[in-house]
All heavy atoms as atom14 arrays in JSON, in Angstrom:
{
  "sequence": "QPANSGLEIVWITDSLPDSGAGFESRSSMSITESDARQMIRTLQQLVE",
  "atom14_mask": [
    [1, 1, 1, 1, 1, 1, 1, 1, 1, 0, 0, 0, 0, 0],
    [1, 1, 1, 1, 1, 1, 1, 0, 0, 0, 0, 0, 0, 0],
    [1, 1, 1, 1, 1, 0, 0, 0, 0, 0, 0, 0, 0, 0],
    [1, 1, 1, 1, 1, 1, 1, 1, 0, 0, 0, 0, 0, 0],
    [1, 1, 1, 1, 1, 1, 0, 0, 0, 0, 0, 0, 0, 0],
    [1, 1, 1, 1, 0, 0, 0, 0, 0, 0, 0, 0, 0, 0],
    [1, 1, 1, 1, 1, 1, 1, 1, 0, 0, 0, 0, 0, 0],
    [1, 1, 1, 1, 1, 1, 1, 1, 1, 0, 0, 0, 0, 0],
    [1, 1, 1, 1, 1, 1, 1, 1, 0, 0, 0, 0, 0, 0],
    [1, 1, 1, 1, 1, 1, 1, 0, 0, 0, 0, 0, 0, 0],
    [1, 1, 1, 1, 1, 1, 1, 1, 1, 1, 1, 1, 1, 1],
    [1, 1, 1, 1, 1, 1, 1, 1, 0, 0, 0, 0, 0, 0],
    [1, 1, 1, 1, 1, 1, 1, 0, 0, 0, 0, 0, 0, 0],
    [1, 1, 1, 1, 1, 1, 1, 1, 0, 0, 0, 0, 0, 0],
    [1, 1, 1, 1, 1, 1, 0, 0, 0, 0, 0, 0, 0, 0],
    [1, 1, 1, 1, 1, 1, 1, 1, 0, 0, 0, 0, 0, 0],
    [1, 1, 1, 1, 1, 1, 1, 0, 0, 0, 0, 0, 0, 0],
    [1, 1, 1, 1, 1, 1, 1, 1, 0, 0, 0, 0, 0, 0],
    [1, 1, 1, 1, 1, 1, 0, 0, 0, 0, 0, 0, 0, 0],
    [1, 1, 1, 1, 0, 0, 0, 0, 0, 0, 0, 0, 0, 0],
    [1, 1, 1, 1, 1, 0, 0, 0, 0, 0, 0, 0, 0, 0],
    [1, 1, 1, 1, 0, 0, 0, 0, 0, 0, 0, 0, 0, 0],
    [1, 1, 1, 1, 1, 1, 1, 1, 1, 1, 1, 0, 0, 0],
    [1, 1, 1, 1, 1, 1, 1, 1, 1, 0, 0, 0, 0, 0],
    [1, 1, 1, 1, 1, 1, 0, 0, 0, 0, 0, 0, 0, 0],
    [1, 1, 1, 1, 1, 1, 1, 1, 1, 1, 1, 0, 0, 0],
    [1, 1, 1, 1, 1, 1, 0, 0, 0, 0, 0, 0, 0, 0],
    [1, 1, 1, 1, 1, 1, 0, 0, 0, 0, 0, 0, 0, 0],
    [1, 1, 1, 1, 1, 1, 1, 1, 0, 0, 0, 0, 0, 0],
    [1, 1, 1, 1, 1, 1, 0, 0, 0, 0, 0, 0, 0, 0],
    [1, 1, 1, 1, 1, 1, 1, 1, 0, 0, 0, 0, 0, 0],
    [1, 1, 1, 1, 1, 1, 1, 0, 0, 0, 0, 0, 0, 0],
    [1, 1, 1, 1, 1, 1, 1, 1, 1, 0, 0, 0, 0, 0],
    [1, 1, 1, 1, 1, 1, 0, 0, 0, 0, 0, 0, 0, 0],
    [1, 1, 1, 1, 1, 1, 1, 1, 0, 0, 0, 0, 0, 0],
    [1, 1, 1, 1, 1, 0, 0, 0, 0, 0, 0, 0, 0, 0],
    [1, 1, 1, 1, 1, 1, 1, 1, 1, 1, 1, 0, 0, 0],
    [1, 1, 1, 1, 1, 1, 1, 1, 1, 0, 0, 0, 0, 0],
    [1, 1, 1, 1, 1, 1, 1, 1, 0, 0, 0, 0, 0, 0],
    [1, 1, 1, 1, 1, 1, 1, 1, 0, 0, 0, 0, 0, 0],
    [1, 1, 1, 1, 1, 1, 1, 1, 1, 1, 1, 0, 0, 0],
    [1, 1, 1, 1, 1, 1, 1, 0, 0, 0, 0, 0, 0, 0],
    [1, 1, 1, 1, 1, 1, 1, 1, 0, 0, 0, 0, 0, 0],
    [1, 1, 1, 1, 1, 1, 1, 1, 1, 0, 0, 0, 0, 0],
    [1, 1, 1, 1, 1, 1, 1, 1, 1, 0, 0, 0, 0, 0],
    [1, 1, 1, 1, 1, 1, 1, 1, 0, 0, 0, 0, 0, 0],
    [1, 1, 1, 1, 1, 1, 1, 0, 0, 0, 0, 0, 0, 0],
    [1, 1, 1, 1, 1, 1, 1, 1, 1, 0, 0, 0, 0, 0]
  ],
  "atom14_positions": [
    [[0.59, -6.47, -2.13], [1.35, -7.62, -2.69], [1.56, -8.64, -1.58], [1.85, -8.29, -0.46], [2.67, -7.16, -3.26], [2.6, -6.08, -4.28], [4.0, -5.58, -4.69], [5.03, -5.87, -4.02], [4.08, -4.83, -5.73], [0.0, 0.0, 0.0], [0.0, 0.0, 0.0], [0.0, 0.0, 0.0], [0.0, 0.0, 0.0], [0.0, 0.0, 0.0]],
    [[1.49, -9.94, -1.94], [1.81, -10.94, -0.95], [3.3, -10.86, -0.61], [4.13, -10.53, -1.46], [1.49, -12.31, -1.67], [1.29, -11.93, -3.1], [1.08, -10.48, -3.24], [0.0, 0.0, 0.0], [0.0, 0.0, 0.0], [0.0, 0.0, 0.0], [0.0, 0.0, 0.0], [0.0, 0.0, 0.0], [0.0, 0.0, 0.0], [0.0, 0.0, 0.0]],
    [[3.63, -11.13, 0.63], [4.98, -11.2, 1.1], [5.2, -12.48, 1.89], [4.26, -13.21, 2.16], [5.3, -9.98, 1.98], [0.0, 0.0, 0.0], [0.0, 0.0, 0.0], [0.0, 0.0, 0.0], [0.0, 0.0, 0.0], [0.0, 0.0, 0.0], [0.0, 0.0, 0.0], [0.0, 0.0, 0.0], [0.0, 0.0, 0.0], [0.0, 0.0, 0.0]],
    [[6.41, -12.79, 2.24], [6.72, -14.06, 2.89], [5.83, -14.32, 4.13], [5.32, -15.43, 4.28], [8.21, -14.09, 3.33], [9.09, -14.2, 2.13], [8.71, -14.62, 1.06], [10.37, -13.74, 2.3], [0.0, 0.0, 0.0], [0.0, 0.0, 0.0], [0.0, 0.0, 0.0], [0.0, 0.0, 0.0], [0.0, 0.0, 0.0], [0.0, 0.0, 0.0]],
    [[5.68, -13.36, 5.03], [4.94, -13.62, 6.22], [3.74, -12.66, 6.38], [3.33, -12.36, 7.48], [5.83, -13.49, 7.45], [6.37, -12.19, 7.5], [0.0, 0.0, 0.0], [0.0, 0.0, 0.0], [0.0, 0.0, 0.0], [0.0, 0.0, 0.0], [0.0, 0.0, 0.0], [0.0, 0.0, 0.0], [0.0, 0.0, 0.0], [0.0, 0.0, 0.0]],
    [[3.2, -12.2, 5.26], [2.06, -11.26, 5.32], [1.84, -10.54, 4.01], [1.72, -11.16, 3.0], [0.0, 0.0, 0.0], [0.0, 0.0, 0.0], [0.0, 0.0, 0.0], [0.0, 0.0, 0.0], [0.0, 0.0, 0.0], [0.0, 0.0, 0.0], [0.0, 0.0, 0.0], [0.0, 0.0, 0.0], [0.0, 0.0, 0.0], [0.0, 0.0, 0.0]],
    [[1.85, -9.25, 4.12], [1.6, -8.4, 2.96], [2.64, -7.28, 2.82], [3.17, -6.82, 3.83], [0.21, -7.73, 3.03], [-1.0, -8.6, 2.93], [-2.23, -7.7, 3.16], [-1.12, -9.21, 1.53], [0.0, 0.0, 0.0], [0.0, 0.0, 0.0], [0.0, 0.0, 0.0], [0.0, 0.0, 0.0], [0.0, 0.0, 0.0], [0.0, 0.0, 0.0]],
    [[2.86, -6.84, 1.62], [3.61, -5.59, 1.4], [2.66, -4.53, 0.86], [1.91, -4.82, -0.09], [4.79, -5.87, 0.43], [5.63, -4.63, 0.24], [6.86, -4.89, -0.57], [6.99, -5.94, -1.21], [7.69, -3.93, -0.65], [0.0, 0.0, 0.0], [0.0, 0.0, 0.0], [0.0, 0.0, 0.0], [0.0, 0.0, 0.0], [0.0, 0.0, 0.0]],
    [[2.68, -3.41, 1.5], [1.88, -2.27, 1.06], [2.77, -1.36, 0.31], [3.81, -0.93, 0.86], [1.19, -1.58, 2.25], [0.3, -2.53, 3.01], [0.41, -0.41, 1.79], [-0.15, -2.05, 4.35], [0.0, 0.0, 0.0], [0.0, 0.0, 0.0], [0.0, 0.0, 0.0], [0.0, 0.0, 0.0], [0.0, 0.0, 0.0], [0.0, 0.0, 0.0]],
    [[2.46, -1.01, -0.94], [3.3, -0.23, -1.77], [2.52, 1.05, -2.15], [1.4, 0.98, -2.58], [3.72, -0.96, -3.02], [4.65, -0.15, -3.91], [4.37, -2.31, -2.68], [0.0, 0.0, 0.0], [0.0, 0.0, 0.0], [0.0, 0.0, 0.0], [0.0, 0.0, 0.0], [0.0, 0.0, 0.0], [0.0, 0.0, 0.0], [0.0, 0.0, 0.0]],
    [[3.24, 2.19, -2.07], [2.64, 3.48, -2.43], [3.6, 4.07, -3.49], [4.76, 4.23, -3.29], [2.55, 4.42, -1.23], [1.96, 5.74, -1.58], [2.61, 6.91, -1.93], [0.58, 6.05, -1.62], [1.72, 7.9, -2.17], [0.46, 7.41, -2.0], [-0.6, 5.3, -1.38], [-0.82, 8.03, -2.15], [-1.83, 5.93, -1.51], [-1.91, 7.25, -1.89]],
    [[3.0, 4.36, -4.66], [3.78, 4.91, -5.78], [3.16, 6.23, -6.24], [1.94, 6.35, -6.38], [3.76, 3.94, -6.99], [4.31, 2.58, -6.6], [4.57, 4.55, -8.16], [4.02, 1.47, -7.6], [0.0, 0.0, 0.0], [0.0, 0.0, 0.0], [0.0, 0.0, 0.0], [0.0, 0.0, 0.0], [0.0, 0.0, 0.0], [0.0, 0.0, 0.0]],
    [[3.96, 7.24, -6.37], [3.54, 8.52, -6.93], [4.38, 8.71, -8.19], [5.6, 8.68, -8.13], [3.72, 9.68, -5.96], [2.95, 9.43, -4.78], [3.29, 10.98, -6.56], [0.0, 0.0, 0.0], [0.0, 0.0, 0.0], [0.0, 0.0, 0.0], [0.0, 0.0, 0.0], [0.0, 0.0, 0.0], [0.0, 0.0, 0.0], [0.0, 0.0, 0.0]],
    [[3.71, 8.95, -9.29], [4.48, 9.18, -10.54], [3.75, 10.23, -11.37], [2.6, 10.54, -11.14], [4.72, 7.92, -11.32], [3.5, 7.19, -11.75], [2.39, 7.47, -11.25], [3.59, 6.35, -12.59], [0.0, 0.0, 0.0], [0.0, 0.0, 0.0], [0.0, 0.0, 0.0], [0.0, 0.0, 0.0], [0.0, 0.0, 0.0], [0.0, 0.0, 0.0]],
    [[4.42, 10.7, -12.38], [3.88, 11.68, -13.26], [3.11, 10.96, -14.38], [3.49, 9.9, -14.84], [4.97, 12.56, -13.88], [5.94, 11.78, -14.53], [0.0, 0.0, 0.0], [0.0, 0.0, 0.0], [0.0, 0.0, 0.0], [0.0, 0.0, 0.0], [0.0, 0.0, 0.0], [0.0, 0.0, 0.0], [0.0, 0.0, 0.0], [0.0, 0.0, 0.0]],
    [[2.04, 11.56, -14.86], [1.23, 11.03, -15.97], [2.01, 11.3, -17.26], [2.83, 12.25, -17.34], [-0.11, 11.63, -16.0], [-1.05, 11.25, -14.83], [-2.29, 12.09, -14.87], [-1.34, 9.77, -14.85], [0.0, 0.0, 0.0], [0.0, 0.0, 0.0], [0.0, 0.0, 0.0], [0.0, 0.0, 0.0], [0.0, 0.0, 0.0], [0.0, 0.0, 0.0]],
    [[1.78, 10.47, -18.29], [2.55, 10.61, -19.54], [2.51, 12.01, -20.12], [3.54, 12.44, -20.69], [1.88, 9.6, -20.47], [1.29, 8.56, -19.54], [0.86, 9.3, -18.33], [0.0, 0.0, 0.0], [0.0, 0.0, 0.0], [0.0, 0.0, 0.0], [0.0, 0.0, 0.0], [0.0, 0.0, 0.0], [0.0, 0.0, 0.0], [0.0, 0.0, 0.0]],
    [[1.4, 12.72, -20.01], [1.31, 14.05, -20.71], [1.95, 15.17, -19.94], [2.04, 16.28, -20.37], [-0.17, 14.42, -20.9], [-0.83, 13.49, -21.91], [-0.17, 12.76, -22.64], [-2.09, 13.54, -21.97], [0.0, 0.0, 0.0], [0.0, 0.0, 0.0], [0.0, 0.0, 0.0], [0.0, 0.0, 0.0], [0.0, 0.0, 0.0], [0.0, 0.0, 0.0]],
    [[2.46, 14.86, -18.73], [3.01, 15.94, -17.87], [4.41, 16.41, -18.31], [4.75, 17.54, -18.04], [3.1, 15.45, -16.43], [4.15, 14.51, -16.31], [0.0, 0.0, 0.0], [0.0, 0.0, 0.0], [0.0, 0.0, 0.0], [0.0, 0.0, 0.0], [0.0, 0.0, 0.0], [0.0, 0.0, 0.0], [0.0, 0.0, 0.0], [0.0, 0.0, 0.0]],
    [[5.16, 15.54, -18.91], [6.53, 15.91, -19.31], [7.5, 15.94, -18.1], [8.66, 16.18, -18.33], [0.0, 0.0, 0.0], [0.0, 0.0, 0.0], [0.0, 0.0, 0.0], [0.0, 0.0, 0.0], [0.0, 0.0, 0.0], [0.0, 0.0, 0.0], [0.0, 0.0, 0.0], [0.0, 0.0, 0.0], [0.0, 0.0, 0.0], [0.0, 0.0, 0.0]],
    [[7.02, 15.64, -16.91], [7.9, 15.7, -15.73], [8.74, 14.48, -15.61], [9.92, 14.59, -15.2], [6.98, 15.87, -14.49], [0.0, 0.0, 0.0], [0.0, 0.0, 0.0], [0.0, 0.0, 0.0], [0.0, 0.0, 0.0], [0.0, 0.0, 0.0], [0.0, 0.0, 0.0], [0.0, 0.0, 0.0], [0.0, 0.0, 0.0], [0.0, 0.0, 0.0]],
    [[8.22, 13.28, -15.8], [9.04, 12.06, -15.77], [9.6, 11.73, -14.42], [10.81, 11.55, -14.27], [0.0, 0.0, 0.0], [0.0, 0.0, 0.0], [0.0, 0.0, 0.0], [0.0, 0.0, 0.0], [0.0, 0.0, 0.0], [0.0, 0.0, 0.0], [0.0, 0.0, 0.0], [0.0, 0.0, 0.0], [0.0, 0.0, 0.0], [0.0, 0.0, 0.0]],
    [[8.81, 11.62, -13.41], [9.31, 11.21, -12.07], [8.48, 10.04, -11.52], [7.37, 9.83, -11.88], [9.29, 12.36, -11.1], [7.95, 12.79, -10.63], [7.31, 12.2, -9.58], [7.26, 13.81, -11.31], [6.05, 12.59, -9.16], [5.97, 14.17, -10.93], [5.37, 13.58, -9.84], [0.0, 0.0, 0.0], [0.0, 0.0, 0.0], [0.0, 0.0, 0.0]],
    [[9.09, 9.32, -10.57], [8.45, 8.24, -9.82], [9.05, 8.15, -8.44], [10.25, 8.13, -8.31], [8.55, 6.9, -10.55], [7.88, 5.78, -9.78], [7.91, 4.45, -10.45], [7.42, 4.36, -11.62], [8.39, 3.45, -9.84], [0.0, 0.0, 0.0], [0.0, 0.0, 0.0], [0.0, 0.0, 0.0], [0.0, 0.0, 0.0], [0.0, 0.0, 0.0]],
    [[8.2, 8.05, -7.44], [8.6, 7.87, -6.06], [7.88, 6.6, -5.56], [6.68, 6.45, -5.77], [8.21, 9.03, -5.2], [8.45, 8.78, -3.85], [0.0, 0.0, 0.0], [0.0, 0.0, 0.0], [0.0, 0.0, 0.0], [0.0, 0.0, 0.0], [0.0, 0.0, 0.0], [0.0, 0.0, 0.0], [0.0, 0.0, 0.0], [0.0, 0.0, 0.0]],
    [[8.62, 5.68, -4.93], [8.05, 4.44, -4.49], [8.47, 4.15, -3.04], [9.61, 4.24, -2.69], [8.56, 3.27, -5.43], [8.03, 1.93, -5.04], [8.68, 0.9, -6.02], [8.27, -0.41, -5.68], [7.34, -1.11, -6.35], [6.69, -0.54, -7.34], [6.98, -2.29, -5.96], [0.0, 0.0, 0.0], [0.0, 0.0, 0.0], [0.0, 0.0, 0.0]],
    [[7.43, 3.87, -2.2], [7.68, 3.49, -0.82], [6.88, 2.22, -0.52], [5.85, 1.96, -1.13], [7.16, 4.59, 0.14], [7.84, 5.78, -0.14], [0.0, 0.0, 0.0], [0.0, 0.0, 0.0], [0.0, 0.0, 0.0], [0.0, 0.0, 0.0], [0.0, 0.0, 0.0], [0.0, 0.0, 0.0], [0.0, 0.0, 0.0], [0.0, 0.0, 0.0]],
    [[7.42, 1.43, 0.42], [6.72, 0.2, 0.77], [6.84, -0.12, 2.25], [7.8, 0.35, 2.88], [7.13, -0.98, -0.05], [8.51, -1.33, 0.2], [0.0, 0.0, 0.0], [0.0, 0.0, 0.0], [0.0, 0.0, 0.0], [0.0, 0.0, 0.0], [0.0, 0.0, 0.0], [0.0, 0.0, 0.0], [0.0, 0.0, 0.0], [0.0, 0.0, 0.0]],
    [[5.93, -0.94, 2.75], [6.0, -1.35, 4.12], [5.4, -2.76, 4.2], [4.36, -3.05, 3.65], [5.06, -0.42, 5.02], [5.1, -0.75, 6.45], [4.19, 0.44, 7.44], [2.52, -0.05, 7.17], [0.0, 0.0, 0.0], [0.0, 0.0, 0.0], [0.0, 0.0, 0.0], [0.0, 0.0, 0.0], [0.0, 0.0, 0.0], [0.0, 0.0, 0.0]],
    [[6.16, -3.66, 4.84], [5.67, -5.01, 5.01], [4.9, -5.12, 6.34], [5.33, -4.54, 7.32], [6.86, -5.99, 5.04], [7.45, -6.04, 3.8], [0.0, 0.0, 0.0], [0.0, 0.0, 0.0], [0.0, 0.0, 0.0], [0.0, 0.0, 0.0], [0.0, 0.0, 0.0], [0.0, 0.0, 0.0], [0.0, 0.0, 0.0], [0.0, 0.0, 0.0]],
    [[3.79, -5.83, 6.34], [3.03, -6.09, 7.53], [2.81, -7.59, 7.73], [2.76, -8.3, 6.73], [1.71, -5.29, 7.58], [0.78, -5.72, 6.44], [1.98, -3.79, 7.51], [-0.59, -5.16, 6.59], [0.0, 0.0, 0.0], [0.0, 0.0, 0.0], [0.0, 0.0, 0.0], [0.0, 0.0, 0.0], [0.0, 0.0, 0.0], [0.0, 0.0, 0.0]],
    [[2.61, -8.01, 8.95], [2.37, -9.42, 9.24], [0.92, -9.75, 8.91], [0.08, -8.9, 8.69], [2.65, -9.76, 10.7], [1.68, -9.03, 11.45], [4.06, -9.39, 11.08], [0.0, 0.0, 0.0], [0.0, 0.0, 0.0], [0.0, 0.0, 0.0], [0.0, 0.0, 0.0], [0.0, 0.0, 0.0], [0.0, 0.0, 0.0], [0.0, 0.0, 0.0]],
    [[0.6, -11.06, 8.86], [-0.79, -11.5, 8.65], [-1.67, -10.96, 9.75], [-2.77, -10.53, 9.54], [-0.84, -13.02, 8.57], [-0.23, -13.58, 7.32], [-0.3, -15.11, 7.26], [-0.93, -15.71, 8.11], [0.36, -15.66, 6.34], [0.0, 0.0, 0.0], [0.0, 0.0, 0.0], [0.0, 0.0, 0.0], [0.0, 0.0, 0.0], [0.0, 0.0, 0.0]],
    [[-1.18, -10.94, 10.98], [-1.91, -10.41, 12.13], [-2.21, -8.93, 11.96], [-3.35, -8.47, 12.15], [-1.15, -10.64, 13.43], [-1.8, -10.05, 14.49], [0.0, 0.0, 0.0], [0.0, 0.0, 0.0], [0.0, 0.0, 0.0], [0.0, 0.0, 0.0], [0.0, 0.0, 0.0], [0.0, 0.0, 0.0], [0.0, 0.0, 0.0], [0.0, 0.0, 0.0]],
    [[-1.23, -8.14, 11.49], [-1.39, -6.74, 11.18], [-2.46, -6.56, 10.07], [-3.26, -5.66, 10.09], [-0.14, -6.05, 10.76], [0.84, -5.87, 11.93], [0.4, -5.82, 13.08], [2.08, -5.82, 11.64], [0.0, 0.0, 0.0], [0.0, 0.0, 0.0], [0.0, 0.0, 0.0], [0.0, 0.0, 0.0], [0.0, 0.0, 0.0], [0.0, 0.0, 0.0]],
    [[-2.41, -7.43, 9.08], [-3.37, -7.36, 7.95], [-4.79, -7.56, 8.43], [-5.71, -6.88, 8.03], [-2.99, -8.34, 6.85], [0.0, 0.0, 0.0], [0.0, 0.0, 0.0], [0.0, 0.0, 0.0], [0.0, 0.0, 0.0], [0.0, 0.0, 0.0], [0.0, 0.0, 0.0], [0.0, 0.0, 0.0], [0.0, 0.0, 0.0], [0.0, 0.0, 0.0]],
    [[-4.96, -8.59, 9.34], [-6.29, -8.85, 9.88], [-6.75, -7.62, 10.73], [-7.96, -7.24, 10.68], [-6.28, -10.12, 10.75], [-6.29, -11.36, 9.84], [-6.56, -12.61, 10.72], [-5.39, -13.07, 11.41], [-4.38, -13.76, 10.88], [-4.39, -14.03, 9.59], [-3.34, -14.17, 11.61], [0.0, 0.0, 0.0], [0.0, 0.0, 0.0], [0.0, 0.0, 0.0]],
    [[-5.87, -7.02, 11.46], [-6.21, -5.79, 12.21], [-6.59, -4.67, 11.3], [-7.52, -3.88, 11.51], [-5.05, -5.35, 13.16], [-5.4, -4.11, 13.97], [-6.6, -4.28, 14.88], [-6.69, -5.24, 15.59], [-7.53, -3.36, 14.78], [0.0, 0.0, 0.0], [0.0, 0.0, 0.0], [0.0, 0.0, 0.0], [0.0, 0.0, 0.0], [0.0, 0.0, 0.0]],
    [[-5.87, -4.54, 10.19], [-6.19, -3.47, 9.21], [-7.58, -3.69, 8.63], [-8.34, -2.72, 8.46], [-5.14, -3.49, 8.09], [-5.37, -2.38, 7.06], [-4.18, -2.44, 5.73], [-2.73, -1.8, 6.56], [0.0, 0.0, 0.0], [0.0, 0.0, 0.0], [0.0, 0.0, 0.0], [0.0, 0.0, 0.0], [0.0, 0.0, 0.0], [0.0, 0.0, 0.0]],
    [[-7.92, -4.97, 8.31], [-9.26, -5.29, 7.82], [-10.33, -4.84, 8.82], [-11.35, -4.23, 8.51], [-9.37, -6.75, 7.43], [-8.48, -7.08, 6.23], [-10.84, -7.13, 7.18], [-8.3, -8.54, 6.05], [0.0, 0.0, 0.0], [0.0, 0.0, 0.0], [0.0, 0.0, 0.0], [0.0, 0.0, 0.0], [0.0, 0.0, 0.0], [0.0, 0.0, 0.0]],
    [[-10.14, -5.22, 10.11], [-11.08, -4.82, 11.15], [-11.21, -3.33, 11.27], [-12.32, -2.78, 11.38], [-10.69, -5.43, 12.5], [-10.89, -6.94, 12.6], [-10.72, -7.47, 14.02], [-9.39, -7.27, 14.52], [-8.4, -8.16, 14.37], [-8.58, -9.29, 13.68], [-7.22, -7.91, 14.92], [0.0, 0.0, 0.0], [0.0, 0.0, 0.0], [0.0, 0.0, 0.0]],
    [[-10.09, -2.64, 11.21], [-10.1, -1.17, 11.28], [-10.85, -0.55, 10.14], [-11.68, 0.37, 10.3], [-8.65, -0.63, 11.39], [-7.99, -1.22, 12.53], [-8.62, 0.89, 11.49], [0.0, 0.0, 0.0], [0.0, 0.0, 0.0], [0.0, 0.0, 0.0], [0.0, 0.0, 0.0], [0.0, 0.0, 0.0], [0.0, 0.0, 0.0], [0.0, 0.0, 0.0]],
    [[-10.56, -1.02, 8.92], [-11.24, -0.49, 7.72], [-12.76, -0.72, 7.85], [-13.53, 0.12, 7.52], [-10.71, -1.12, 6.48], [-9.29, -0.67, 6.05], [-8.77, -1.56, 4.93], [-9.32, 0.78, 5.68], [0.0, 0.0, 0.0], [0.0, 0.0, 0.0], [0.0, 0.0, 0.0], [0.0, 0.0, 0.0], [0.0, 0.0, 0.0], [0.0, 0.0, 0.0]],
    [[-13.14, -1.9, 8.34], [-14.59, -2.22, 8.49], [-15.22, -1.26, 9.45], [-16.3, -0.75, 9.21], [-14.74, -3.68, 8.91], [-16.22, -4.13, 8.94], [-16.82, -4.11, 7.56], [-16.15, -4.55, 6.6], [-18.04, -3.68, 7.49], [0.0, 0.0, 0.0], [0.0, 0.0, 0.0], [0.0, 0.0, 0.0], [0.0, 0.0, 0.0], [0.0, 0.0, 0.0]],
    [[-14.56, -1.01, 10.59], [-15.1, -0.06, 11.58], [-15.25, 1.34, 10.98], [-16.25, 2.03, 11.19], [-14.22, -0.02, 12.79], [-14.31, -1.27, 13.67], [-13.23, -1.3, 14.76], [-12.41, -0.36, 14.84], [-13.29, -2.29, 15.59], [0.0, 0.0, 0.0], [0.0, 0.0, 0.0], [0.0, 0.0, 0.0], [0.0, 0.0, 0.0], [0.0, 0.0, 0.0]],
    [[-14.24, 1.79, 10.22], [-14.27, 3.12, 9.61], [-15.42, 3.25, 8.6], [-16.06, 4.23, 8.49], [-12.96, 3.45, 8.99], [-11.77, 3.64, 9.96], [-10.46, 3.74, 9.19], [-11.97, 4.91, 10.8], [0.0, 0.0, 0.0], [0.0, 0.0, 0.0], [0.0, 0.0, 0.0], [0.0, 0.0, 0.0], [0.0, 0.0, 0.0], [0.0, 0.0, 0.0]],
    [[-15.66, 2.2, 7.83], [-16.69, 2.2, 6.81], [-18.05, 2.19, 7.48], [-19.0, 2.87, 7.0], [-16.54, 0.96, 5.89], [-17.76, 0.78, 4.96], [-15.29, 1.11, 5.04], [0.0, 0.0, 0.0], [0.0, 0.0, 0.0], [0.0, 0.0, 0.0], [0.0, 0.0, 0.0], [0.0, 0.0, 0.0], [0.0, 0.0, 0.0], [0.0, 0.0, 0.0]],
    [[-18.22, 1.47, 8.55], [-19.49, 1.4, 9.23], [-19.88, 2.66, 10.0], [-21.03, 2.86, 10.27], [-19.54, 0.18, 10.18], [-19.5, -1.14, 9.42], [-19.38, -2.38, 10.31], [-19.17, -2.16, 11.54], [-19.4, -3.49, 9.8], [0.0, 0.0, 0.0], [0.0, 0.0, 0.0], [0.0, 0.0, 0.0], [0.0, 0.0, 0.0], [0.0, 0.0, 0.0]]
  ]
}
């Protein structure tokens, strides 16, 4: 998600409708534009 000075990375774990469990856990971390560019470079290296 876009954030004021970069991006917010959000991780959500939840139960599927058929499970009957009914839970949700949500965590997030904001990163700067510079961190986002470094993440892109890192992902590219890992893929290659």
